[in-house]
Amino acid sequence: YACQSMFYFKPPGARGQDLHQDNFYLRVKPGTCMAAWIAVDDADAGNGGMMCVPMTASLDIACPDKADPALFFTTEHVEPPPGLEPQMMELKAGDVLFFNGSVIHGSTPNTSADRFRRSLIFHYVPASTVEMSHYYEAISFDGAKQDIAVNMDGGPCGTVQDLPTGPH
C-alpha cells in the first residue's frame, strides 16, 4: 500500500538530512516499509546527494542520537555499525533508488552555488501490515483506504511521546 509521498526541494545552500532509518518514523509491523527515491535533478556530493550505508537492510531500528542542526534539517542521527560507512549514490535525473526502511541513509548539505537537488520520494508498506505510525495512512492502488492499526508502542527507542516531530 502507498502511505506517503514527499517532494524535497533542495536549493543551493540547503542543509542535508542526517543518517536515519525510515521505519523509525513509519513504525511498520510486521516487517518494514519500502522507499522509492526518484532523482528529479542529478544528485551527487556537490548538491546534497543521497548516501546509503551498505549491508544495513536487515538491521533492527537503531535508537538515534542528535543531529547537528547547522548541517541537517532533521533532529535524528543514526550511527552506522562499526566498519560500515555511508556511500554516495551518484544518481542522474530520472534514476530511482529502492531501499527498505532498515537501510541507514541520508543526504549531505547542498554546497553547490547554483544546482538544485530535487527528489520525489514514495513510501509503501506491504499488504501484511497490521500496525504503523499514526502520521501515515495506507491506501491501496485502487484508492481504497486501508484499516491498519496505529502502532502505539513507540518502538525500541521509547514511548509514543518520544516519537519524532520533525519532517520525514
N, C-alpha and C. Protein backbone atom coordinates (compact mmCIF):
# COMPACT_ATOMS: atom_id res chain seq x y z
N TYR A 1 0.82 -1.18 0.00
CA TYR A 1 0.00 0.00 0.00
C TYR A 1 0.87 1.25 0.00
N ALA A 2 0.40 2.30 -0.64
CA ALA A 2 1.08 3.58 -0.59
C ALA A 2 0.75 4.26 0.74
N CYS A 3 1.74 4.90 1.36
CA CYS A 3 1.45 5.57 2.64
C CYS A 3 2.06 6.96 2.76
N GLN A 4 2.92 7.36 1.83
CA GLN A 4 3.50 8.69 1.94
C GLN A 4 4.12 9.09 0.62
N SER A 5 4.01 10.36 0.29
CA SER A 5 4.75 10.93 -0.84
C SER A 5 5.32 12.27 -0.39
N MET A 6 6.53 12.56 -0.86
CA MET A 6 7.20 13.81 -0.49
C MET A 6 7.94 14.35 -1.70
N PHE A 7 8.01 15.65 -1.81
CA PHE A 7 8.84 16.31 -2.80
C PHE A 7 9.85 17.14 -2.04
N TYR A 8 11.14 16.81 -2.16
CA TYR A 8 12.18 17.59 -1.49
C TYR A 8 12.73 18.62 -2.47
N PHE A 9 12.65 19.85 -2.08
CA PHE A 9 13.09 21.00 -2.86
C PHE A 9 14.36 21.49 -2.18
N LYS A 10 15.54 21.11 -2.71
CA LYS A 10 16.80 21.37 -2.02
C LYS A 10 17.65 22.36 -2.82
N PRO A 11 17.51 23.65 -2.56
CA PRO A 11 18.26 24.65 -3.31
C PRO A 11 19.72 24.73 -2.84
N PRO A 12 20.56 25.43 -3.58
CA PRO A 12 21.94 25.65 -3.13
C PRO A 12 21.95 26.24 -1.72
N GLY A 13 22.84 25.71 -0.88
CA GLY A 13 22.95 26.18 0.50
C GLY A 13 22.06 25.47 1.49
N ALA A 14 21.15 24.62 1.04
CA ALA A 14 20.23 23.92 1.95
C ALA A 14 20.97 22.86 2.77
N ARG A 15 20.46 22.64 3.98
CA ARG A 15 21.02 21.60 4.85
C ARG A 15 20.65 20.21 4.33
N GLY A 16 21.32 19.21 4.84
CA GLY A 16 21.02 17.83 4.48
C GLY A 16 20.04 17.19 5.45
N GLN A 17 19.82 15.91 5.25
CA GLN A 17 19.03 15.10 6.19
C GLN A 17 19.98 14.05 6.73
N ASP A 18 20.23 14.07 8.02
CA ASP A 18 21.24 13.20 8.61
C ASP A 18 20.85 11.73 8.46
N LEU A 19 21.82 10.86 8.69
CA LEU A 19 21.60 9.42 8.56
C LEU A 19 20.45 8.98 9.46
N HIS A 20 19.56 8.16 8.90
CA HIS A 20 18.37 7.70 9.62
C HIS A 20 17.86 6.42 8.98
N GLN A 21 16.86 5.83 9.60
CA GLN A 21 16.14 4.66 9.06
C GLN A 21 14.67 5.04 8.95
N ASP A 22 14.08 4.81 7.80
CA ASP A 22 12.69 5.22 7.58
C ASP A 22 11.71 4.55 8.53
N ASN A 23 11.97 3.30 8.90
CA ASN A 23 11.00 2.61 9.75
C ASN A 23 11.01 3.14 11.19
N PHE A 24 12.01 3.95 11.56
CA PHE A 24 11.97 4.66 12.84
C PHE A 24 10.75 5.58 12.87
N TYR A 25 10.43 6.16 11.72
CA TYR A 25 9.30 7.09 11.61
C TYR A 25 7.99 6.36 11.30
N LEU A 26 8.03 5.42 10.35
CA LEU A 26 6.79 4.77 9.92
C LEU A 26 6.32 3.67 10.87
N ARG A 27 7.24 3.03 11.59
CA ARG A 27 6.93 2.03 12.62
C ARG A 27 6.00 0.91 12.11
N VAL A 28 6.35 0.40 10.95
CA VAL A 28 5.56 -0.66 10.32
C VAL A 28 5.77 -1.97 11.06
N LYS A 29 4.67 -2.70 11.30
CA LYS A 29 4.72 -4.05 11.90
C LYS A 29 3.75 -4.94 11.15
N PRO A 30 4.10 -6.15 10.88
CA PRO A 30 5.45 -6.71 10.94
C PRO A 30 6.28 -6.21 9.76
N GLY A 31 7.55 -6.41 9.83
CA GLY A 31 8.42 -6.06 8.72
C GLY A 31 8.77 -4.59 8.70
N THR A 32 8.85 -4.05 7.49
CA THR A 32 9.29 -2.67 7.32
C THR A 32 8.65 -2.07 6.08
N CYS A 33 8.96 -0.84 5.81
CA CYS A 33 8.44 -0.14 4.63
C CYS A 33 9.44 -0.26 3.47
N MET A 34 9.04 0.26 2.32
CA MET A 34 9.89 0.32 1.14
C MET A 34 9.83 1.74 0.60
N ALA A 35 10.98 2.28 0.24
CA ALA A 35 11.05 3.63 -0.34
C ALA A 35 11.42 3.55 -1.81
N ALA A 36 10.84 4.46 -2.58
CA ALA A 36 11.25 4.70 -3.97
C ALA A 36 11.69 6.15 -4.01
N TRP A 37 12.99 6.39 -4.17
CA TRP A 37 13.59 7.73 -4.14
C TRP A 37 13.96 8.09 -5.57
N ILE A 38 13.27 9.07 -6.14
CA ILE A 38 13.44 9.43 -7.55
C ILE A 38 14.20 10.75 -7.64
N ALA A 39 15.31 10.73 -8.35
CA ALA A 39 16.09 11.94 -8.58
C ALA A 39 15.41 12.78 -9.66
N VAL A 40 14.99 13.98 -9.31
CA VAL A 40 14.42 14.92 -10.28
C VAL A 40 15.56 15.67 -10.97
N ASP A 41 16.62 15.96 -10.22
CA ASP A 41 17.86 16.54 -10.75
C ASP A 41 18.97 15.52 -10.56
N ASP A 42 20.08 15.67 -11.30
CA ASP A 42 21.26 14.88 -10.99
C ASP A 42 21.59 15.11 -9.52
N ALA A 43 21.97 14.05 -8.82
CA ALA A 43 22.26 14.14 -7.38
C ALA A 43 23.64 13.55 -7.12
N ASP A 44 24.48 14.34 -6.47
CA ASP A 44 25.84 13.91 -6.16
C ASP A 44 26.31 14.63 -4.89
N ALA A 45 27.56 14.42 -4.51
CA ALA A 45 28.07 15.01 -3.27
C ALA A 45 28.01 16.53 -3.29
N GLY A 46 28.16 17.15 -4.44
CA GLY A 46 28.19 18.60 -4.52
C GLY A 46 26.86 19.27 -4.26
N ASN A 47 25.76 18.62 -4.62
CA ASN A 47 24.45 19.27 -4.43
C ASN A 47 23.58 18.55 -3.40
N GLY A 48 24.22 17.84 -2.48
CA GLY A 48 23.47 17.24 -1.38
C GLY A 48 22.86 15.91 -1.72
N GLY A 49 23.62 15.07 -2.40
CA GLY A 49 23.12 13.77 -2.84
C GLY A 49 22.81 12.80 -1.72
N MET A 50 22.18 11.71 -2.11
CA MET A 50 21.76 10.64 -1.20
C MET A 50 22.95 9.72 -0.87
N MET A 51 23.07 9.38 0.41
CA MET A 51 24.06 8.42 0.87
C MET A 51 23.33 7.23 1.48
N CYS A 52 23.86 6.04 1.25
CA CYS A 52 23.32 4.82 1.88
C CYS A 52 24.47 4.07 2.52
N VAL A 53 24.18 3.40 3.63
CA VAL A 53 25.17 2.56 4.30
C VAL A 53 24.92 1.13 3.85
N PRO A 54 25.85 0.55 3.08
CA PRO A 54 25.66 -0.83 2.60
C PRO A 54 25.52 -1.81 3.76
N MET A 55 24.84 -2.91 3.49
CA MET A 55 24.70 -4.03 4.42
C MET A 55 23.89 -3.67 5.66
N THR A 56 22.96 -2.70 5.56
CA THR A 56 22.13 -2.35 6.71
C THR A 56 20.66 -2.69 6.48
N ALA A 57 20.33 -3.36 5.39
CA ALA A 57 18.93 -3.64 5.06
C ALA A 57 18.25 -4.59 6.02
N SER A 58 19.01 -5.36 6.78
CA SER A 58 18.38 -6.31 7.71
C SER A 58 18.58 -5.90 9.18
N LEU A 59 19.04 -4.69 9.41
CA LEU A 59 19.25 -4.23 10.79
C LEU A 59 17.93 -3.95 11.50
N ASP A 60 17.96 -4.10 12.82
CA ASP A 60 16.86 -3.61 13.64
C ASP A 60 16.93 -2.08 13.65
N ILE A 61 15.88 -1.45 14.12
CA ILE A 61 15.87 0.00 14.23
C ILE A 61 16.86 0.41 15.32
N ALA A 62 17.73 1.35 14.97
CA ALA A 62 18.72 1.87 15.92
C ALA A 62 18.17 3.14 16.56
N CYS A 63 18.38 3.28 17.85
CA CYS A 63 17.94 4.50 18.53
C CYS A 63 18.89 5.63 18.16
N PRO A 64 18.35 6.73 17.64
CA PRO A 64 19.22 7.79 17.13
C PRO A 64 19.78 8.69 18.22
N ASP A 65 20.89 9.34 17.85
CA ASP A 65 21.46 10.43 18.62
C ASP A 65 20.93 11.73 18.03
N LYS A 66 21.42 12.85 18.52
CA LYS A 66 21.01 14.16 18.00
C LYS A 66 21.86 14.53 16.78
N ALA A 67 21.21 15.08 15.77
CA ALA A 67 21.90 15.56 14.58
C ALA A 67 22.40 16.98 14.81
N ASP A 68 23.36 17.40 14.01
CA ASP A 68 23.90 18.76 14.07
C ASP A 68 22.97 19.70 13.31
N PRO A 69 22.25 20.59 13.99
CA PRO A 69 21.29 21.46 13.31
C PRO A 69 21.93 22.44 12.33
N ALA A 70 23.22 22.67 12.42
CA ALA A 70 23.89 23.54 11.46
C ALA A 70 24.01 22.87 10.09
N LEU A 71 24.03 21.53 10.08
CA LEU A 71 24.21 20.77 8.84
C LEU A 71 22.96 20.07 8.35
N PHE A 72 22.03 19.76 9.29
CA PHE A 72 20.89 18.91 8.95
C PHE A 72 19.58 19.51 9.43
N PHE A 73 18.52 19.35 8.62
CA PHE A 73 17.22 19.90 8.99
C PHE A 73 16.42 18.96 9.88
N THR A 74 16.85 17.71 10.02
CA THR A 74 16.19 16.77 10.92
C THR A 74 16.96 16.71 12.24
N THR A 75 16.34 16.16 13.26
CA THR A 75 16.95 16.14 14.59
C THR A 75 17.62 14.82 14.94
N GLU A 76 17.41 13.77 14.14
CA GLU A 76 17.93 12.45 14.48
C GLU A 76 19.17 12.10 13.64
N HIS A 77 20.11 11.38 14.27
CA HIS A 77 21.30 10.85 13.60
C HIS A 77 21.49 9.40 14.04
N VAL A 78 21.58 8.49 13.07
CA VAL A 78 21.86 7.09 13.35
C VAL A 78 23.31 6.81 12.97
N GLU A 79 24.07 6.35 13.93
CA GLU A 79 25.47 6.00 13.70
C GLU A 79 25.54 4.64 13.01
N PRO A 80 26.26 4.52 11.89
CA PRO A 80 26.39 3.21 11.24
C PRO A 80 27.13 2.22 12.14
N PRO A 81 26.86 0.93 11.98
CA PRO A 81 27.60 -0.07 12.75
C PRO A 81 29.10 0.02 12.47
N PRO A 82 29.93 -0.43 13.41
CA PRO A 82 31.38 -0.38 13.22
C PRO A 82 31.79 -1.04 11.90
N GLY A 83 32.69 -0.39 11.19
CA GLY A 83 33.20 -0.93 9.93
C GLY A 83 32.36 -0.60 8.71
N LEU A 84 31.20 0.01 8.90
CA LEU A 84 30.34 0.37 7.76
C LEU A 84 30.31 1.89 7.61
N GLU A 85 30.43 2.34 6.37
CA GLU A 85 30.47 3.77 6.08
C GLU A 85 29.42 4.13 5.03
N PRO A 86 28.84 5.33 5.11
CA PRO A 86 27.90 5.75 4.07
C PRO A 86 28.62 5.91 2.73
N GLN A 87 27.92 5.55 1.66
CA GLN A 87 28.45 5.71 0.31
C GLN A 87 27.51 6.61 -0.48
N MET A 88 28.09 7.54 -1.22
CA MET A 88 27.31 8.45 -2.05
C MET A 88 26.68 7.67 -3.20
N MET A 89 25.39 7.89 -3.40
CA MET A 89 24.68 7.29 -4.52
C MET A 89 24.63 8.33 -5.64
N GLU A 90 25.49 8.20 -6.63
CA GLU A 90 25.51 9.14 -7.76
C GLU A 90 24.31 8.82 -8.64
N LEU A 91 23.32 9.71 -8.67
CA LEU A 91 22.09 9.47 -9.42
C LEU A 91 21.90 10.54 -10.49
N LYS A 92 21.44 10.11 -11.64
CA LYS A 92 21.07 11.02 -12.72
C LYS A 92 19.58 11.32 -12.62
N ALA A 93 19.16 12.45 -13.13
CA ALA A 93 17.73 12.79 -13.14
C ALA A 93 16.95 11.65 -13.78
N GLY A 94 15.91 11.19 -13.08
CA GLY A 94 15.09 10.07 -13.55
C GLY A 94 15.47 8.73 -12.95
N ASP A 95 16.66 8.62 -12.36
CA ASP A 95 17.04 7.37 -11.69
C ASP A 95 16.17 7.16 -10.46
N VAL A 96 15.90 5.89 -10.15
CA VAL A 96 15.11 5.54 -8.97
C VAL A 96 15.94 4.62 -8.09
N LEU A 97 16.02 4.92 -6.81
CA LEU A 97 16.70 4.10 -5.83
C LEU A 97 15.64 3.50 -4.92
N PHE A 98 15.60 2.17 -4.84
CA PHE A 98 14.67 1.46 -3.96
C PHE A 98 15.44 0.94 -2.76
N PHE A 99 14.88 1.10 -1.56
CA PHE A 99 15.51 0.55 -0.36
C PHE A 99 14.44 0.39 0.72
N ASN A 100 14.71 -0.53 1.66
CA ASN A 100 13.71 -0.76 2.70
C ASN A 100 13.95 0.15 3.90
N GLY A 101 13.03 0.10 4.85
CA GLY A 101 13.03 1.00 5.98
C GLY A 101 14.10 0.76 7.01
N SER A 102 14.90 -0.29 6.86
CA SER A 102 16.00 -0.54 7.77
C SER A 102 17.31 0.07 7.30
N VAL A 103 17.42 0.36 6.01
CA VAL A 103 18.66 0.89 5.43
C VAL A 103 18.97 2.26 6.05
N ILE A 104 20.18 2.40 6.57
CA ILE A 104 20.63 3.69 7.08
C ILE A 104 21.02 4.55 5.88
N HIS A 105 20.41 5.73 5.80
CA HIS A 105 20.65 6.61 4.66
C HIS A 105 20.43 8.06 5.08
N GLY A 106 20.83 8.97 4.23
CA GLY A 106 20.66 10.39 4.49
C GLY A 106 21.23 11.19 3.33
N SER A 107 21.34 12.48 3.53
CA SER A 107 21.91 13.32 2.47
C SER A 107 22.80 14.39 3.08
N THR A 108 23.73 14.86 2.26
CA THR A 108 24.65 15.90 2.67
C THR A 108 24.04 17.27 2.37
N PRO A 109 24.58 18.33 2.96
CA PRO A 109 24.13 19.67 2.59
C PRO A 109 24.42 19.96 1.11
N ASN A 110 23.63 20.82 0.52
CA ASN A 110 23.85 21.24 -0.87
C ASN A 110 24.86 22.39 -0.84
N THR A 111 26.11 22.07 -1.14
CA THR A 111 27.18 23.07 -1.10
C THR A 111 27.43 23.71 -2.45
N SER A 112 26.62 23.39 -3.44
CA SER A 112 26.81 23.98 -4.77
C SER A 112 26.36 25.44 -4.77
N ALA A 113 26.85 26.18 -5.75
CA ALA A 113 26.47 27.59 -5.88
C ALA A 113 25.19 27.77 -6.67
N ASP A 114 24.87 26.79 -7.55
CA ASP A 114 23.76 27.03 -8.48
C ASP A 114 23.00 25.78 -8.90
N ARG A 115 23.14 24.68 -8.18
CA ARG A 115 22.48 23.43 -8.56
C ARG A 115 21.46 23.02 -7.51
N PHE A 116 20.23 22.83 -7.93
CA PHE A 116 19.21 22.26 -7.06
C PHE A 116 19.41 20.75 -6.97
N ARG A 117 18.86 20.13 -5.91
CA ARG A 117 18.81 18.68 -5.82
C ARG A 117 17.40 18.33 -5.36
N ARG A 118 16.52 18.25 -6.33
CA ARG A 118 15.13 17.93 -6.02
C ARG A 118 14.92 16.43 -6.15
N SER A 119 14.04 15.90 -5.31
CA SER A 119 13.73 14.47 -5.36
C SER A 119 12.27 14.25 -4.98
N LEU A 120 11.75 13.17 -5.49
CA LEU A 120 10.39 12.74 -5.21
C LEU A 120 10.51 11.39 -4.51
N ILE A 121 9.90 11.27 -3.34
CA ILE A 121 10.04 10.06 -2.53
C ILE A 121 8.67 9.49 -2.22
N PHE A 122 8.54 8.19 -2.40
CA PHE A 122 7.31 7.48 -2.06
C PHE A 122 7.65 6.38 -1.07
N HIS A 123 6.77 6.17 -0.08
CA HIS A 123 6.91 5.06 0.86
C HIS A 123 5.71 4.13 0.72
N TYR A 124 6.01 2.86 0.79
CA TYR A 124 5.00 1.81 0.66
C TYR A 124 5.13 0.84 1.83
N VAL A 125 4.02 0.21 2.18
CA VAL A 125 4.02 -0.84 3.20
C VAL A 125 3.36 -2.08 2.59
N PRO A 126 3.75 -3.27 3.06
CA PRO A 126 3.15 -4.49 2.50
C PRO A 126 1.69 -4.66 2.92
N ALA A 127 0.96 -5.44 2.15
CA ALA A 127 -0.44 -5.73 2.48
C ALA A 127 -0.56 -6.46 3.81
N SER A 128 0.53 -7.09 4.26
CA SER A 128 0.53 -7.81 5.54
C SER A 128 0.68 -6.88 6.75
N THR A 129 0.82 -5.58 6.53
CA THR A 129 1.00 -4.62 7.63
C THR A 129 -0.22 -4.61 8.54
N VAL A 130 0.02 -4.73 9.85
CA VAL A 130 -1.07 -4.67 10.82
C VAL A 130 -1.01 -3.41 11.69
N GLU A 131 0.17 -2.76 11.76
CA GLU A 131 0.33 -1.53 12.53
C GLU A 131 1.32 -0.61 11.84
N MET A 132 1.08 0.69 11.98
CA MET A 132 2.06 1.69 11.54
C MET A 132 1.81 2.99 12.29
N SER A 133 2.73 3.92 12.19
CA SER A 133 2.63 5.18 12.91
C SER A 133 1.36 5.94 12.56
N HIS A 134 0.87 6.72 13.52
CA HIS A 134 -0.37 7.49 13.30
C HIS A 134 -0.18 8.65 12.33
N TYR A 135 1.04 8.94 11.91
CA TYR A 135 1.29 10.03 10.97
C TYR A 135 0.93 9.67 9.54
N TYR A 136 0.68 8.41 9.26
CA TYR A 136 0.53 7.94 7.89
C TYR A 136 -0.79 7.20 7.71
N GLU A 137 -1.27 7.16 6.48
CA GLU A 137 -2.49 6.44 6.14
C GLU A 137 -2.20 5.59 4.91
N ALA A 138 -2.48 4.30 5.01
CA ALA A 138 -2.23 3.38 3.90
C ALA A 138 -3.39 3.39 2.92
N ILE A 139 -3.06 3.46 1.64
CA ILE A 139 -4.07 3.48 0.58
C ILE A 139 -3.67 2.46 -0.48
N SER A 140 -4.60 1.60 -0.86
CA SER A 140 -4.31 0.61 -1.90
C SER A 140 -4.27 1.31 -3.26
N PHE A 141 -3.80 0.60 -4.26
CA PHE A 141 -3.62 1.22 -5.58
C PHE A 141 -4.94 1.49 -6.30
N ASP A 142 -6.05 1.00 -5.76
CA ASP A 142 -7.35 1.38 -6.33
C ASP A 142 -7.95 2.58 -5.58
N GLY A 143 -7.18 3.16 -4.64
CA GLY A 143 -7.61 4.35 -3.92
C GLY A 143 -8.32 4.08 -2.61
N ALA A 144 -8.51 2.82 -2.25
CA ALA A 144 -9.24 2.49 -1.02
C ALA A 144 -8.33 2.65 0.21
N LYS A 145 -8.85 3.34 1.23
CA LYS A 145 -8.12 3.47 2.48
C LYS A 145 -8.11 2.13 3.19
N GLN A 146 -6.96 1.79 3.78
CA GLN A 146 -6.80 0.51 4.46
C GLN A 146 -6.91 0.71 5.97
N ASP A 147 -7.56 -0.22 6.63
CA ASP A 147 -7.75 -0.15 8.07
C ASP A 147 -6.55 -0.81 8.74
N ILE A 148 -5.56 -0.01 9.07
CA ILE A 148 -4.35 -0.50 9.73
C ILE A 148 -4.27 0.16 11.10
N ALA A 149 -4.05 -0.65 12.12
CA ALA A 149 -4.00 -0.14 13.49
C ALA A 149 -2.81 0.80 13.68
N VAL A 150 -2.95 1.72 14.61
CA VAL A 150 -1.87 2.64 14.94
C VAL A 150 -0.88 1.95 15.86
N ASN A 151 0.40 2.02 15.52
CA ASN A 151 1.46 1.47 16.35
C ASN A 151 1.72 2.46 17.48
N MET A 152 1.31 2.10 18.69
CA MET A 152 1.44 2.99 19.84
C MET A 152 2.58 2.60 20.78
N ASP A 153 3.37 1.57 20.43
CA ASP A 153 4.37 1.11 21.40
C ASP A 153 5.62 1.96 21.42
N GLY A 154 5.79 2.88 20.47
CA GLY A 154 6.95 3.76 20.50
C GLY A 154 8.21 3.12 19.97
N GLY A 155 8.17 1.86 19.61
CA GLY A 155 9.36 1.20 19.08
C GLY A 155 10.42 0.97 20.13
N PRO A 156 11.61 0.56 19.70
CA PRO A 156 12.67 0.22 20.65
C PRO A 156 13.31 1.44 21.31
N CYS A 157 12.95 2.64 20.87
CA CYS A 157 13.64 3.84 21.33
C CYS A 157 12.85 4.67 22.33
N GLY A 158 11.66 4.23 22.72
CA GLY A 158 10.91 5.00 23.70
C GLY A 158 9.42 4.81 23.55
N THR A 159 8.68 5.70 24.15
CA THR A 159 7.23 5.63 24.13
C THR A 159 6.67 6.49 23.00
N VAL A 160 5.38 6.46 22.84
CA VAL A 160 4.73 7.25 21.80
C VAL A 160 5.00 8.74 22.00
N GLN A 161 5.21 9.19 23.22
CA GLN A 161 5.52 10.60 23.46
C GLN A 161 6.89 10.97 22.90
N ASP A 162 7.74 9.98 22.68
CA ASP A 162 9.08 10.23 22.16
C ASP A 162 9.15 10.17 20.64
N LEU A 163 8.00 10.05 19.96
CA LEU A 163 8.03 9.98 18.51
C LEU A 163 8.62 11.25 17.93
N PRO A 164 9.37 11.12 16.84
CA PRO A 164 9.95 12.33 16.23
C PRO A 164 8.85 13.26 15.75
N THR A 165 9.11 14.54 15.83
CA THR A 165 8.13 15.53 15.41
C THR A 165 8.55 16.26 14.14
N GLY A 166 9.78 16.07 13.70
CA GLY A 166 10.26 16.75 12.50
C GLY A 166 9.78 16.10 11.24
N PRO A 167 10.09 16.71 10.11
CA PRO A 167 9.65 16.16 8.82
C PRO A 167 10.35 14.86 8.50
N HIS A 168 9.67 14.02 7.81
CA HIS A 168 10.27 12.86 7.19
C HIS A 168 9.42 12.41 6.03
